[in-house]
Amino acid sequence: MSEPEVRVELSDSGRRGRVAWVTLDHVAKLNSLTTPLLDQLAAVFRTLASDAELRAAVLTGAGETSFIGGANLDELAGLDVAGARAFITKVHLACAAVRALPVPVIARVNGYCLGAGLEIAASCDLRLASANAVFAMPEVKVGLPSVVEAALLPRLVGWGKAAEIVYLARNYDAAQAREMGLVQAVVPAAELDRAVAAWLDDLVAAGPRAIRAQKALLAQWERMAPTDAIEAGIEPLARAYESDEPARLIGAFFARKRQA
């Protein structure tokens, strides 16, 4: 059996540009997160952040059963106070590295998405689930609060539903996750890769500078009052004209209309 690892594959086609596929492989334990895997995941995304040609990333779990089945319970069982602080900090740093990637990250959710796995999915920009996906924040059932990037849940599903998720620790199927806004789309498992490819096509059809500026703005909007967030968009829109990207893509749009 191979050692748990985080694998990275870069596709660099002329049609789609450079896309990173990041796969967390700990199949024997439902892709649960250990300290070494968290370190690897954070390091992978920090490295990808320096790739100026990257257009998007896809994050998934190996196999067909689990995206990320939460924190590894064998490791959690042996923690003390200091160890717990160190471990949960690593969960946060991995999530933060995903959020800090300057291009969109798609969570390809293929099965169980639990606890820290759901926090990592919430840290992605877009979430696409197979119909067999299962979502939960079960920490209180093992005597722990849901913490760090669980704080993103109210923005995704609202305060009331977030309270239900973390207090009741119930499982939610993919349809329920879609209804509450936890994921943006659900497809049959056999169509998951095709759906991811369609999202990637949409992302790379846009201007690469524009997409990076849009992600940076979304991060700002999270921290700002609405009036400040509105004004914060003026300068990025103006700076878009520092390159030929707007003129080139607007020209291409009109060319397509003339040919239609």
Protein backbone atom coordinates (compact mmCIF):
# COMPACT_ATOMS: atom_id res chain seq x y z
CA MET A 1 0.00 0.00 0.00
CA SER A 2 1.40 3.40 -1.00
CA GLU A 3 2.15 6.07 1.57
CA PRO A 4 -0.44 8.84 2.02
CA GLU A 5 0.46 11.81 -0.15
CA VAL A 6 -0.77 14.92 -1.91
CA ARG A 7 -0.25 14.56 -5.67
CA VAL A 8 -0.13 17.41 -8.18
CA GLU A 9 -0.64 17.09 -11.91
CA LEU A 10 -0.32 20.11 -14.20
CA SER A 11 -2.16 20.12 -17.51
CA ASP A 12 -0.96 22.76 -19.92
CA SER A 13 -3.03 22.56 -23.09
CA GLY A 14 -3.37 25.46 -25.48
CA ARG A 15 -7.15 25.31 -25.22
CA ARG A 16 -7.45 25.36 -21.47
CA GLY A 17 -4.14 26.81 -20.30
CA ARG A 18 -2.40 25.56 -17.18
CA VAL A 19 -4.61 23.84 -14.62
CA ALA A 20 -3.41 22.10 -11.44
CA TRP A 21 -5.12 18.91 -10.29
CA VAL A 22 -4.38 18.33 -6.61
CA THR A 23 -5.32 14.93 -5.20
CA LEU A 24 -5.18 14.00 -1.53
CA ASP A 25 -4.47 10.26 -1.41
CA HIS A 26 -5.08 8.46 1.88
CA VAL A 27 -7.64 6.03 0.52
CA ALA A 28 -7.25 3.47 3.29
CA LYS A 29 -8.55 6.05 5.79
CA LEU A 30 -11.14 7.84 3.63
CA ASN A 31 -8.51 10.47 2.73
CA SER A 32 -8.46 11.65 6.34
CA LEU A 33 -6.02 14.40 7.24
CA THR A 34 -2.83 13.72 9.14
CA THR A 35 -0.14 16.22 10.11
CA PRO A 36 2.13 15.21 7.16
CA LEU A 37 -0.77 15.48 4.69
CA LEU A 38 -1.74 18.91 6.02
CA ASP A 39 1.86 20.07 5.66
CA GLN A 40 1.99 18.72 2.11
CA LEU A 41 -1.33 20.31 1.16
CA ALA A 42 -0.27 23.72 2.44
CA ALA A 43 3.11 23.45 0.70
CA VAL A 44 1.52 22.43 -2.62
CA PHE A 45 -0.79 25.44 -2.70
CA ARG A 46 1.95 27.84 -1.62
CA THR A 47 4.07 26.59 -4.50
CA LEU A 48 1.21 26.84 -6.99
CA ALA A 49 0.60 30.43 -5.87
CA SER A 50 3.88 31.48 -7.49
CA ASP A 51 2.92 30.08 -10.91
CA ALA A 52 2.03 33.14 -12.99
CA GLU A 53 0.64 30.96 -15.82
CA LEU A 54 -1.80 29.00 -13.65
CA ARG A 55 -5.44 29.50 -14.62
CA ALA A 56 -7.28 27.33 -12.07
CA ALA A 57 -6.90 24.41 -9.67
CA VAL A 58 -9.03 21.37 -8.89
CA LEU A 59 -8.82 19.77 -5.44
CA THR A 60 -10.16 16.26 -4.88
CA GLY A 61 -9.67 13.05 -2.95
CA ALA A 62 -8.32 9.81 -4.36
CA GLY A 63 -10.76 7.03 -5.13
CA GLU A 64 -14.52 7.16 -5.49
CA THR A 65 -15.60 7.03 -1.83
CA SER A 66 -14.28 10.14 -0.15
CA PHE A 67 -13.22 13.71 -0.81
CA ILE A 68 -11.71 14.22 2.64
CA GLY A 69 -13.14 12.22 5.52
CA GLY A 70 -12.09 14.73 8.19
CA ALA A 71 -9.15 14.78 10.55
CA ASN A 72 -7.53 11.41 11.16
CA LEU A 73 -9.09 10.02 14.34
CA ASP A 74 -6.05 7.89 15.19
CA GLU A 75 -4.01 11.08 15.42
CA LEU A 76 -6.72 13.05 17.23
CA ALA A 77 -7.01 10.37 19.90
CA GLY A 78 -3.38 10.82 20.93
CA LEU A 79 -3.27 14.61 21.22
CA ASP A 80 -2.73 16.70 24.34
CA VAL A 81 -3.42 20.44 24.64
CA ALA A 82 -0.22 21.50 22.89
CA GLY A 83 -0.61 18.84 20.23
CA ALA A 84 -4.21 19.83 19.59
CA ARG A 85 -3.22 23.47 19.19
CA ALA A 86 -0.48 22.51 16.72
CA PHE A 87 -2.74 20.17 14.74
CA ILE A 88 -5.66 22.57 14.35
CA THR A 89 -3.25 25.34 13.39
CA LYS A 90 -2.04 23.11 10.55
CA VAL A 91 -5.65 22.59 9.44
CA HIS A 92 -6.05 26.36 9.33
CA LEU A 93 -2.78 26.88 7.46
CA ALA A 94 -3.79 24.32 4.81
CA CYS A 95 -7.17 26.02 4.38
CA ALA A 96 -5.50 29.44 4.26
CA ALA A 97 -3.12 28.28 1.53
CA VAL A 98 -6.09 27.10 -0.55
CA ARG A 99 -7.86 30.42 -0.04
CA ALA A 100 -4.71 32.38 -0.87
CA LEU A 101 -4.20 30.81 -4.30
CA PRO A 102 -4.68 33.76 -6.68
CA VAL A 103 -6.81 31.73 -9.12
CA PRO A 104 -10.08 29.88 -8.50
CA VAL A 105 -10.02 26.48 -6.80
CA ILE A 106 -12.75 23.94 -7.59
CA ALA A 107 -13.52 21.37 -4.92
CA ARG A 108 -14.36 18.13 -6.76
CA VAL A 109 -16.33 16.46 -3.97
CA ASN A 110 -16.51 12.73 -4.62
CA GLY A 111 -18.05 11.12 -1.53
CA TYR A 112 -17.51 11.87 2.15
CA CYS A 113 -16.76 15.50 2.97
CA LEU A 114 -16.58 15.63 6.75
CA GLY A 115 -15.23 17.92 9.45
CA ALA A 116 -11.89 19.37 8.42
CA GLY A 117 -12.62 18.10 4.91
CA LEU A 118 -15.69 20.31 4.77
CA GLU A 119 -13.58 23.21 6.03
CA ILE A 120 -11.17 22.67 3.16
CA ALA A 121 -14.06 22.44 0.69
CA ALA A 122 -15.47 25.69 2.12
CA SER A 123 -12.06 27.27 1.53
CA CYS A 124 -12.33 26.54 -2.19
CA ASP A 125 -14.00 29.04 -4.51
CA LEU A 126 -16.41 26.61 -6.16
CA ARG A 127 -17.79 23.27 -5.00
CA LEU A 128 -19.09 20.57 -7.34
CA ALA A 129 -20.39 17.37 -5.78
CA SER A 130 -21.20 13.91 -7.03
CA ALA A 131 -24.67 12.67 -6.17
CA ASN A 132 -23.19 10.22 -3.66
CA ALA A 133 -21.46 12.95 -1.63
CA VAL A 134 -22.12 13.20 2.12
CA PHE A 135 -21.46 16.33 4.17
CA ALA A 136 -21.20 16.77 7.94
CA MET A 137 -19.43 18.59 10.76
CA PRO A 138 -19.38 15.73 13.32
CA GLU A 139 -16.84 17.17 15.76
CA VAL A 140 -19.18 17.61 18.73
CA LYS A 141 -19.91 13.88 18.59
CA VAL A 142 -16.28 13.21 19.53
CA GLY A 143 -16.09 15.95 22.15
CA LEU A 144 -14.66 18.75 20.00
CA PRO A 145 -16.05 22.04 18.68
CA SER A 146 -16.00 22.83 14.97
CA VAL A 147 -13.41 25.57 14.57
CA VAL A 148 -11.05 27.48 12.25
CA GLU A 149 -12.51 27.55 8.70
CA ALA A 150 -15.85 26.24 9.95
CA ALA A 151 -16.32 29.99 10.47
CA LEU A 152 -16.83 30.24 6.70
CA LEU A 153 -20.06 28.23 6.87
CA PRO A 154 -22.41 31.08 7.91
CA ARG A 155 -21.43 33.01 4.78
CA LEU A 156 -22.26 29.99 2.63
CA VAL A 157 -25.47 28.72 4.23
CA GLY A 158 -26.60 31.42 6.69
CA TRP A 159 -26.32 31.55 10.46
CA GLY A 160 -29.33 29.36 11.21
CA LYS A 161 -28.28 26.50 8.95
CA ALA A 162 -24.65 26.80 10.09
CA ALA A 163 -25.83 26.44 13.70
CA GLU A 164 -27.80 23.33 12.73
CA ILE A 165 -24.77 21.82 10.98
CA VAL A 166 -22.33 22.28 13.87
CA TYR A 167 -24.76 21.63 16.77
CA LEU A 168 -26.67 18.63 15.46
CA ALA A 169 -23.72 17.06 13.59
CA ARG A 170 -26.04 15.39 11.12
CA ASN A 171 -25.16 13.99 7.71
CA TYR A 172 -26.48 15.83 4.65
CA ASP A 173 -26.71 14.28 1.22
CA ALA A 174 -25.64 16.08 -1.94
CA ALA A 175 -29.14 17.31 -2.77
CA GLN A 176 -29.52 18.83 0.69
CA ALA A 177 -26.07 20.44 0.41
CA ARG A 178 -27.09 21.98 -2.92
CA GLU A 179 -30.37 23.26 -1.51
CA MET A 180 -28.65 25.01 1.43
CA GLY A 181 -25.94 26.51 -0.80
CA LEU A 182 -23.07 24.44 0.53
CA VAL A 183 -22.23 23.34 -3.02
CA GLN A 184 -23.08 25.05 -6.28
CA ALA A 185 -23.91 21.95 -8.31
CA VAL A 186 -24.55 18.21 -8.01
CA VAL A 187 -24.11 15.69 -10.82
CA PRO A 188 -24.12 11.87 -11.09
CA ALA A 189 -20.75 10.43 -10.11
CA ALA A 190 -20.10 9.28 -13.68
CA GLU A 191 -20.47 12.87 -14.91
CA LEU A 192 -18.31 14.55 -12.25
CA ASP A 193 -15.19 14.96 -14.38
CA ARG A 194 -17.22 16.21 -17.34
CA ALA A 195 -18.86 18.83 -15.12
CA VAL A 196 -15.50 19.91 -13.71
CA ALA A 197 -14.17 20.25 -17.26
CA ALA A 198 -17.13 22.46 -18.20
CA TRP A 199 -16.43 24.77 -15.25
CA LEU A 200 -12.76 24.91 -16.21
CA ASP A 201 -13.72 25.84 -19.77
CA ASP A 202 -15.80 28.73 -18.44
CA LEU A 203 -12.99 29.92 -16.16
CA VAL A 204 -10.32 29.91 -18.82
CA ALA A 205 -12.60 31.56 -21.39
CA ALA A 206 -12.32 34.66 -19.21
CA GLY A 207 -9.32 36.94 -19.12
CA PRO A 208 -6.62 35.55 -16.80
CA ARG A 209 -5.89 38.97 -15.31
CA ALA A 210 -9.61 39.59 -14.81
CA ILE A 211 -10.11 36.28 -13.01
CA ARG A 212 -7.20 36.96 -10.66
CA ALA A 213 -8.52 40.46 -9.96
CA GLN A 214 -11.99 39.03 -9.33
CA LYS A 215 -10.68 36.53 -6.77
CA ALA A 216 -8.76 39.27 -4.98
CA LEU A 217 -11.90 41.40 -4.86
CA LEU A 218 -14.01 38.57 -3.47
CA ALA A 219 -11.48 38.19 -0.66
CA GLN A 220 -11.74 41.92 0.05
CA TRP A 221 -15.53 41.83 0.01
CA GLU A 222 -15.48 39.26 2.82
CA ARG A 223 -13.75 41.76 5.11
CA MET A 224 -15.53 44.96 4.14
CA ALA A 225 -18.79 46.72 4.75
CA PRO A 226 -20.89 46.82 1.55
CA THR A 227 -20.21 50.51 0.87
CA ASP A 228 -16.45 49.99 1.17
CA ALA A 229 -16.58 46.83 -0.96
CA ILE A 230 -18.39 48.71 -3.72
CA GLU A 231 -15.77 51.45 -3.82
CA ALA A 232 -12.93 48.91 -3.65
CA GLY A 233 -13.81 47.74 -7.16
CA ILE A 234 -13.08 51.03 -8.92
CA GLU A 235 -9.30 50.74 -9.01
CA PRO A 236 -9.12 47.07 -10.13
CA LEU A 237 -11.48 47.84 -13.02
CA ALA A 238 -9.31 50.77 -14.06
CA ARG A 239 -6.11 48.72 -13.75
CA ALA A 240 -7.57 46.07 -16.05
CA TYR A 241 -6.83 48.50 -18.90
CA GLU A 242 -3.10 48.41 -18.13
CA SER A 243 -3.01 45.38 -20.46
CA ASP A 244 -4.69 44.67 -23.79
CA GLU A 245 -6.93 42.02 -22.21
CA PRO A 246 -10.19 44.05 -22.24
CA ALA A 247 -9.74 45.33 -25.80
CA ARG A 248 -8.72 41.89 -27.04
CA LEU A 249 -11.61 40.00 -25.44
CA ILE A 250 -14.21 42.65 -26.28
CA GLY A 251 -12.96 42.56 -29.86
CA ALA A 252 -13.29 38.79 -29.91
CA PHE A 253 -16.85 39.09 -28.59
CA PHE A 254 -17.86 41.44 -31.43
CA ALA A 255 -16.13 39.19 -33.95
CA ARG A 256 -18.21 36.24 -32.79
CA LYS A 257 -21.40 38.32 -33.08
CA ARG A 258 -20.56 39.30 -36.65
CA GLN A 259 -20.04 35.65 -37.55
CA ALA A 260 -23.28 34.51 -35.92
